[in-house]
Amino acid sequence: MQTSGSADPIVADSTERTGCSGVLGGQEDSNRRSTLWGSPAGIAPVLVLGLGNPLMADDGAGQALLATLESAATDWGNSVEFVDGGTQGLALLGQFEDRKAVIFLDAIRLGDPAGAVHVLEGDELCRLGGARAKTAHEGSAPQILSALQLLEQLPKHVAIVGLEPERIETGIGLSSSVQSSLGVAASFARMTITKILTAI
């Protein structure tokens, strides 16, 4: 367990729960960066969606984590799609078409020390709505999930791997606390991807 800047970040992990269920629909948003190899047997790949604003210091943690995971993208073949959602918010709803699973990557404030790694899954994540989880940008993971929940269009499996920010202010580059936790967050994200791929 950690204090700010430690190499061993706190991990806030949910207990295992069933995911929020639903059927998705919409149109694909064209403003994205993705790595997609095609989906087997017509099944849409797991969506790994990075959110945030890299011009606002630690609010860019989601994109930094996305880039780290993409470097090992071949590990999952054609089963995973990586998308940089930036601050598009509800404009991303079309990305969820036919998805069975989504993993959000984001900076998320839950009141723990800077650099803490949060792993939230299923109903626990859905219940966050926009109330407990605070980010510097509109269209955070809980807000997007709230919209999908209202539309009854949630995928069966949902998770977020987030990093507790130290500073959200104009500026490029992550704080040392968040930067030092990226490797640990990436490890948890990889485990979460593997767990979901096993479940679907």
C-alpha atoms as a PDB file:
ATOM      1  CA  MET A   1       0.000   0.000   0.000  1.00  0.00           C
ATOM      2  CA  GLN A   2       1.294   3.420  -0.842  1.00  0.00           C
ATOM      3  CA  THR A   3       1.614   7.056  -0.158  1.00  0.00           C
ATOM      4  CA  SER A   4       2.025   9.535  -3.005  1.00  0.00           C
ATOM      5  CA  GLY A   5       4.926   8.687  -5.290  1.00  0.00           C
ATOM      6  CA  SER A   6       5.480   5.207  -3.915  1.00  0.00           C
ATOM      7  CA  ALA A   7       6.359   2.374  -6.286  1.00  0.00           C
ATOM      8  CA  ASP A   8       3.657   0.137  -4.774  1.00  0.00           C
ATOM      9  CA  PRO A   9       0.308   1.856  -5.328  1.00  0.00           C
ATOM     10  CA  ILE A  10      -2.884   1.180  -3.455  1.00  0.00           C
ATOM     11  CA  VAL A  11      -5.232  -0.980  -5.473  1.00  0.00           C
ATOM     12  CA  ALA A  12      -8.939  -0.448  -4.895  1.00  0.00           C
ATOM     13  CA  ASP A  13     -10.327  -3.678  -6.313  1.00  0.00           C
ATOM     14  CA  SER A  14     -14.000  -4.568  -6.374  1.00  0.00           C
ATOM     15  CA  THR A  15     -15.250  -7.919  -5.241  1.00  0.00           C
ATOM     16  CA  GLU A  16     -16.327 -10.103  -8.133  1.00  0.00           C
ATOM     17  CA  ARG A  17     -19.875  -9.320  -9.234  1.00  0.00           C
ATOM     18  CA  THR A  18     -22.037  -9.945 -12.224  1.00  0.00           C
ATOM     19  CA  GLY A  19     -21.715  -7.215 -14.832  1.00  0.00           C
ATOM     20  CA  CYS A  20     -24.435  -4.758 -15.848  1.00  0.00           C
ATOM     21  CA  SER A  21     -26.266  -6.363 -18.732  1.00  0.00           C
ATOM     22  CA  GLY A  22     -27.840  -4.989 -21.864  1.00  0.00           C
ATOM     23  CA  VAL A  23     -27.826  -4.894 -25.645  1.00  0.00           C
ATOM     24  CA  LEU A  24     -25.884  -2.174 -27.396  1.00  0.00           C
ATOM     25  CA  GLY A  25     -26.622  -0.121 -30.443  1.00  0.00           C
ATOM     26  CA  GLY A  26     -25.369   2.964 -32.271  1.00  0.00           C
ATOM     27  CA  GLN A  27     -23.011   4.130 -34.966  1.00  0.00           C
ATOM     28  CA  GLU A  28     -19.244   4.060 -34.871  1.00  0.00           C
ATOM     29  CA  ASP A  29     -17.519   7.367 -34.159  1.00  0.00           C
ATOM     30  CA  SER A  30     -14.858   8.178 -36.741  1.00  0.00           C
ATOM     31  CA  ASN A  31     -12.601  10.362 -34.562  1.00  0.00           C
ATOM     32  CA  ARG A  32     -10.500   7.680 -32.932  1.00  0.00           C
ATOM     33  CA  ARG A  33      -7.190   5.865 -32.845  1.00  0.00           C
ATOM     34  CA  SER A  34      -7.558   2.111 -32.793  1.00  0.00           C
ATOM     35  CA  THR A  35      -5.728  -1.151 -33.220  1.00  0.00           C
ATOM     36  CA  LEU A  36      -8.135  -3.725 -34.616  1.00  0.00           C
ATOM     37  CA  TRP A  37      -7.355  -7.077 -36.220  1.00  0.00           C
ATOM     38  CA  GLY A  38     -10.953  -8.132 -36.910  1.00  0.00           C
ATOM     39  CA  SER A  39     -13.270 -10.153 -34.715  1.00  0.00           C
ATOM     40  CA  PRO A  40     -13.633 -13.929 -34.835  1.00  0.00           C
ATOM     41  CA  ALA A  41     -16.987 -15.401 -35.899  1.00  0.00           C
ATOM     42  CA  GLY A  42     -18.542 -11.946 -36.093  1.00  0.00           C
ATOM     43  CA  ILE A  43     -18.083 -11.250 -32.377  1.00  0.00           C
ATOM     44  CA  ALA A  44     -17.139  -7.646 -31.630  1.00  0.00           C
ATOM     45  CA  PRO A  45     -13.772  -7.424 -29.853  1.00  0.00           C
ATOM     46  CA  VAL A  46     -13.444  -6.286 -26.262  1.00  0.00           C
ATOM     47  CA  LEU A  47     -13.316  -2.478 -26.268  1.00  0.00           C
ATOM     48  CA  VAL A  48     -10.448  -0.942 -24.301  1.00  0.00           C
ATOM     49  CA  LEU A  49     -11.313   2.752 -24.159  1.00  0.00           C
ATOM     50  CA  GLY A  50      -8.848   5.392 -22.966  1.00  0.00           C
ATOM     51  CA  LEU A  51     -10.442   8.616 -21.693  1.00  0.00           C
ATOM     52  CA  GLY A  52      -9.073  11.975 -20.606  1.00  0.00           C
ATOM     53  CA  ASN A  53      -7.290  15.132 -21.639  1.00  0.00           C
ATOM     54  CA  PRO A  54      -3.492  14.915 -22.002  1.00  0.00           C
ATOM     55  CA  LEU A  55      -3.294  18.734 -21.955  1.00  0.00           C
ATOM     56  CA  MET A  56      -4.468  18.658 -18.326  1.00  0.00           C
ATOM     57  CA  ALA A  57      -1.559  16.855 -16.650  1.00  0.00           C
ATOM     58  CA  ASP A  58      -2.765  13.707 -14.827  1.00  0.00           C
ATOM     59  CA  ASP A  59      -6.085  13.770 -16.635  1.00  0.00           C
ATOM     60  CA  GLY A  60      -4.119  12.193 -19.495  1.00  0.00           C
ATOM     61  CA  ALA A  61      -3.445   9.041 -17.475  1.00  0.00           C
ATOM     62  CA  GLY A  62      -6.033   7.072 -19.439  1.00  0.00           C
ATOM     63  CA  GLN A  63      -4.296   7.729 -22.750  1.00  0.00           C
ATOM     64  CA  ALA A  64      -0.874   6.994 -21.268  1.00  0.00           C
ATOM     65  CA  LEU A  65      -2.166   3.663 -19.954  1.00  0.00           C
ATOM     66  CA  LEU A  66      -3.767   2.926 -23.329  1.00  0.00           C
ATOM     67  CA  ALA A  67      -0.442   3.520 -25.108  1.00  0.00           C
ATOM     68  CA  THR A  68       1.321   1.177 -22.674  1.00  0.00           C
ATOM     69  CA  LEU A  69      -1.197  -1.588 -23.327  1.00  0.00           C
ATOM     70  CA  GLU A  70      -1.117  -1.124 -27.098  1.00  0.00           C
ATOM     71  CA  SER A  71       2.585  -1.918 -27.088  1.00  0.00           C
ATOM     72  CA  ALA A  72       1.625  -5.492 -26.141  1.00  0.00           C
ATOM     73  CA  ALA A  73      -1.508  -5.612 -28.302  1.00  0.00           C
ATOM     74  CA  THR A  74      -0.473  -8.733 -30.207  1.00  0.00           C
ATOM     75  CA  ASP A  75      -0.922 -10.730 -26.993  1.00  0.00           C
ATOM     76  CA  TRP A  76      -4.687 -10.683 -27.612  1.00  0.00           C
ATOM     77  CA  GLY A  77      -4.748 -11.126 -31.359  1.00  0.00           C
ATOM     78  CA  ASN A  78      -8.036 -10.031 -32.874  1.00  0.00           C
ATOM     79  CA  SER A  79      -9.987 -10.153 -29.602  1.00  0.00           C
ATOM     80  CA  VAL A  80      -9.295  -6.622 -28.330  1.00  0.00           C
ATOM     81  CA  GLU A  81      -9.759  -3.165 -29.863  1.00  0.00           C
ATOM     82  CA  PHE A  82      -8.001  -0.091 -28.454  1.00  0.00           C
ATOM     83  CA  VAL A  83      -9.657   3.306 -28.835  1.00  0.00           C
ATOM     84  CA  ASP A  84      -8.523   6.738 -27.632  1.00  0.00           C
ATOM     85  CA  GLY A  85     -11.796   8.411 -26.675  1.00  0.00           C
ATOM     86  CA  GLY A  86     -10.224  11.618 -25.362  1.00  0.00           C
ATOM     87  CA  THR A  87     -12.952  13.886 -23.998  1.00  0.00           C
ATOM     88  CA  GLN A  88     -15.618  12.974 -26.542  1.00  0.00           C
ATOM     89  CA  GLY A  89     -17.978  11.769 -23.833  1.00  0.00           C
ATOM     90  CA  LEU A  90     -21.423  10.776 -25.038  1.00  0.00           C
ATOM     91  CA  ALA A  91     -20.265  11.043 -28.656  1.00  0.00           C
ATOM     92  CA  LEU A  92     -18.545   7.698 -27.971  1.00  0.00           C
ATOM     93  CA  LEU A  93     -21.783   5.788 -27.454  1.00  0.00           C
ATOM     94  CA  GLY A  94     -21.581   4.445 -31.000  1.00  0.00           C
ATOM     95  CA  GLN A  95     -18.367   2.630 -30.101  1.00  0.00           C
ATOM     96  CA  PHE A  96     -20.398   0.191 -27.999  1.00  0.00           C
ATOM     97  CA  GLU A  97     -22.283  -1.420 -30.858  1.00  0.00           C
ATOM     98  CA  ASP A  98     -22.550  -5.199 -30.346  1.00  0.00           C
ATOM     99  CA  ARG A  99     -19.929  -5.159 -27.584  1.00  0.00           C
ATOM    100  CA  LYS A 100     -20.007  -7.853 -24.964  1.00  0.00           C
ATOM    101  CA  ALA A 101     -17.333  -6.119 -22.880  1.00  0.00           C
ATOM    102  CA  VAL A 102     -15.649  -2.765 -22.309  1.00  0.00           C
ATOM    103  CA  ILE A 103     -12.706  -1.758 -20.149  1.00  0.00           C
ATOM    104  CA  PHE A 104     -12.285   1.957 -19.457  1.00  0.00           C
ATOM    105  CA  LEU A 105      -8.896   3.530 -18.735  1.00  0.00           C
ATOM    106  CA  ASP A 106      -9.114   6.897 -16.983  1.00  0.00           C
ATOM    107  CA  ALA A 107      -7.885   9.165 -14.242  1.00  0.00           C
ATOM    108  CA  ILE A 108     -10.438   8.807 -11.463  1.00  0.00           C
ATOM    109  CA  ARG A 109     -10.714  10.501  -8.076  1.00  0.00           C
ATOM    110  CA  LEU A 110     -11.957   8.306  -5.254  1.00  0.00           C
ATOM    111  CA  GLY A 111     -10.098  10.022  -2.411  1.00  0.00           C
ATOM    112  CA  ASP A 112      -7.003   7.807  -2.258  1.00  0.00           C
ATOM    113  CA  PRO A 113      -3.379   8.971  -2.467  1.00  0.00           C
ATOM    114  CA  ALA A 114      -2.094  10.126  -5.847  1.00  0.00           C
ATOM    115  CA  GLY A 115      -1.008   7.215  -8.021  1.00  0.00           C
ATOM    116  CA  ALA A 116      -3.428   4.733  -6.445  1.00  0.00           C
ATOM    117  CA  VAL A 117      -4.692   2.159  -8.929  1.00  0.00           C
ATOM    118  CA  HIS A 118      -8.428   1.505  -8.961  1.00  0.00           C
ATOM    119  CA  VAL A 119      -9.925  -1.633 -10.479  1.00  0.00           C
ATOM    120  CA  LEU A 120     -13.729  -1.527 -10.477  1.00  0.00           C
ATOM    121  CA  GLU A 121     -15.972  -4.057 -12.141  1.00  0.00           C
ATOM    122  CA  GLY A 122     -19.581  -4.793 -12.915  1.00  0.00           C
ATOM    123  CA  ASP A 123     -22.341  -3.411 -10.727  1.00  0.00           C
ATOM    124  CA  GLU A 124     -19.924  -1.520  -8.476  1.00  0.00           C
ATOM    125  CA  LEU A 125     -18.761   0.549 -11.435  1.00  0.00           C
ATOM    126  CA  CYS A 126     -22.300   1.062 -12.733  1.00  0.00           C
ATOM    127  CA  ARG A 127     -23.441   2.342  -9.340  1.00  0.00           C
ATOM    128  CA  LEU A 128     -20.809   5.076  -9.377  1.00  0.00           C
ATOM    129  CA  GLY A 129     -22.837   7.021 -11.937  1.00  0.00           C
ATOM    130  CA  GLY A 130     -21.162  10.424 -11.856  1.00  0.00           C
ATOM    131  CA  ALA A 131     -21.463  10.996  -8.144  1.00  0.00           C
ATOM    132  CA  ARG A 132     -18.444   9.435  -6.456  1.00  0.00           C
ATOM    133  CA  ALA A 133     -15.999   9.341  -9.324  1.00  0.00           C
ATOM    134  CA  LYS A 134     -14.657  12.766 -10.275  1.00  0.00           C
ATOM    135  CA  THR A 135     -12.585  13.583 -13.329  1.00  0.00           C
ATOM    136  CA  ALA A 136     -11.550  16.826 -15.010  1.00  0.00           C
ATOM    137  CA  HIS A 137     -13.438  16.060 -18.216  1.00  0.00           C
ATOM    138  CA  GLU A 138     -17.039  15.533 -19.145  1.00  0.00           C
ATOM    139  CA  GLY A 139     -17.963  12.085 -20.347  1.00  0.00           C
ATOM    140  CA  SER A 140     -16.041  10.053 -17.777  1.00  0.00           C
ATOM    141  CA  ALA A 141     -16.491   6.286 -17.670  1.00  0.00           C
ATOM    142  CA  PRO A 142     -19.222   6.381 -14.987  1.00  0.00           C
ATOM    143  CA  GLN A 143     -21.111   9.089 -16.889  1.00  0.00           C
ATOM    144  CA  ILE A 144     -20.979   7.113 -20.136  1.00  0.00           C
ATOM    145  CA  LEU A 145     -22.147   4.003 -18.313  1.00  0.00           C
ATOM    146  CA  SER A 146     -24.990   5.945 -16.699  1.00  0.00           C
ATOM    147  CA  ALA A 147     -26.168   7.009 -20.152  1.00  0.00           C
ATOM    148  CA  LEU A 148     -25.951   3.451 -21.467  1.00  0.00           C
ATOM    149  CA  GLN A 149     -27.755   2.179 -18.386  1.00  0.00           C
ATOM    150  CA  LEU A 150     -30.619   4.634 -18.939  1.00  0.00           C
ATOM    151  CA  LEU A 151     -30.800   3.473 -22.555  1.00  0.00           C
ATOM    152  CA  GLU A 152     -30.628  -0.169 -21.425  1.00  0.00           C
ATOM    153  CA  GLN A 153     -27.652  -0.585 -23.731  1.00  0.00           C
ATOM    154  CA  LEU A 154     -24.858  -1.712 -21.406  1.00  0.00           C
ATOM    155  CA  PRO A 155     -22.484  -4.517 -22.363  1.00  0.00           C
ATOM    156  CA  LYS A 156     -22.520  -7.618 -20.180  1.00  0.00           C
ATOM    157  CA  HIS A 157     -19.003  -7.063 -18.837  1.00  0.00           C
ATOM    158  CA  VAL A 158     -17.759  -3.618 -17.760  1.00  0.00           C
ATOM    159  CA  ALA A 159     -14.647  -2.596 -15.855  1.00  0.00           C
ATOM    160  CA  ILE A 160     -12.459   0.422 -15.253  1.00  0.00           C
ATOM    161  CA  VAL A 161      -8.761   0.569 -14.494  1.00  0.00           C
ATOM    162  CA  GLY A 162      -8.087   4.045 -13.182  1.00  0.00           C
ATOM    163  CA  LEU A 163      -5.315   6.073 -11.621  1.00  0.00           C
ATOM    164  CA  GLU A 164      -5.819   8.561  -8.803  1.00  0.00           C
ATOM    165  CA  PRO A 165      -4.507  11.914 -10.110  1.00  0.00           C
ATOM    166  CA  GLU A 166      -2.182  14.218  -8.196  1.00  0.00           C
ATOM    167  CA  ARG A 167      -2.778  17.341 -10.242  1.00  0.00           C
ATOM    168  CA  ILE A 168      -5.398  18.280 -12.803  1.00  0.00           C
ATOM    169  CA  GLU A 169      -4.285  21.559 -14.321  1.00  0.00           C
ATOM    170  CA  THR A 170      -3.161  22.936 -17.649  1.00  0.00           C
ATOM    171  CA  GLY A 171       0.104  21.292 -18.635  1.00  0.00           C
ATOM    172  CA  ILE A 172       1.506  18.355 -20.563  1.00  0.00           C
ATOM    173  CA  GLY A 173       2.937  15.387 -18.717  1.00  0.00           C
ATOM    174  CA  LEU A 174       1.947  13.183 -15.808  1.00  0.00           C
ATOM    175  CA  SER A 175       2.983  13.794 -12.220  1.00  0.00           C
ATOM    176  CA  SER A 176       5.716  11.532 -10.863  1.00  0.00           C
ATOM    177  CA  SER A 177       3.178   9.719  -8.649  1.00  0.00           C
ATOM    178  CA  VAL A 178       0.958   8.769 -11.574  1.00  0.00           C
ATOM    179  CA  GLN A 179       3.853   8.087 -13.955  1.00  0.00           C
ATOM    180  CA  SER A 180       5.435   5.654 -11.483  1.00  0.00           C
ATOM    181  CA  SER A 181       2.140   3.750 -11.185  1.00  0.00           C
ATOM    182  CA  LEU A 182       1.597   3.224 -14.910  1.00  0.00           C
ATOM    183  CA  GLY A 183       3.374  -0.122 -14.977  1.00  0.00           C
ATOM    184  CA  VAL A 184       1.312  -1.489 -12.091  1.00  0.00           C
ATOM    185  CA  ALA A 185      -1.899  -0.138 -13.635  1.00  0.00           C
ATOM    186  CA  ALA A 186      -0.985  -1.774 -16.954  1.00  0.00           C
ATOM    187  CA  SER A 187      -0.473  -5.105 -15.176  1.00  0.00           C
ATOM    188  CA  PHE A 188      -3.918  -4.880 -13.613  1.00  0.00           C
ATOM    189  CA  ALA A 189      -5.406  -3.855 -16.956  1.00  0.00           C
ATOM    190  CA  ARG A 190      -3.828  -6.877 -18.650  1.00  0.00           C
ATOM    191  CA  MET A 191      -5.226  -9.169 -15.944  1.00  0.00           C
ATOM    192  CA  THR A 192      -8.658  -7.574 -16.354  1.00  0.00           C
ATOM    193  CA  ILE A 193      -8.575  -8.033 -20.139  1.00  0.00           C
ATOM    194  CA  THR A 194      -7.571 -11.686 -19.763  1.00  0.00           C
ATOM    195  CA  LYS A 195     -10.278 -12.279 -17.140  1.00  0.00           C
ATOM    196  CA  ILE A 196     -12.974 -10.800 -19.376  1.00  0.00           C
ATOM    197  CA  LEU A 197     -11.779 -12.662 -22.463  1.00  0.00           C
ATOM    198  CA  THR A 198     -12.042 -15.881 -20.468  1.00  0.00           C
ATOM    199  CA  ALA A 199     -15.585 -15.004 -19.384  1.00  0.00           C
ATOM    200  CA  ILE A 200     -17.066 -14.136 -22.773  1.00  0.00           C
END
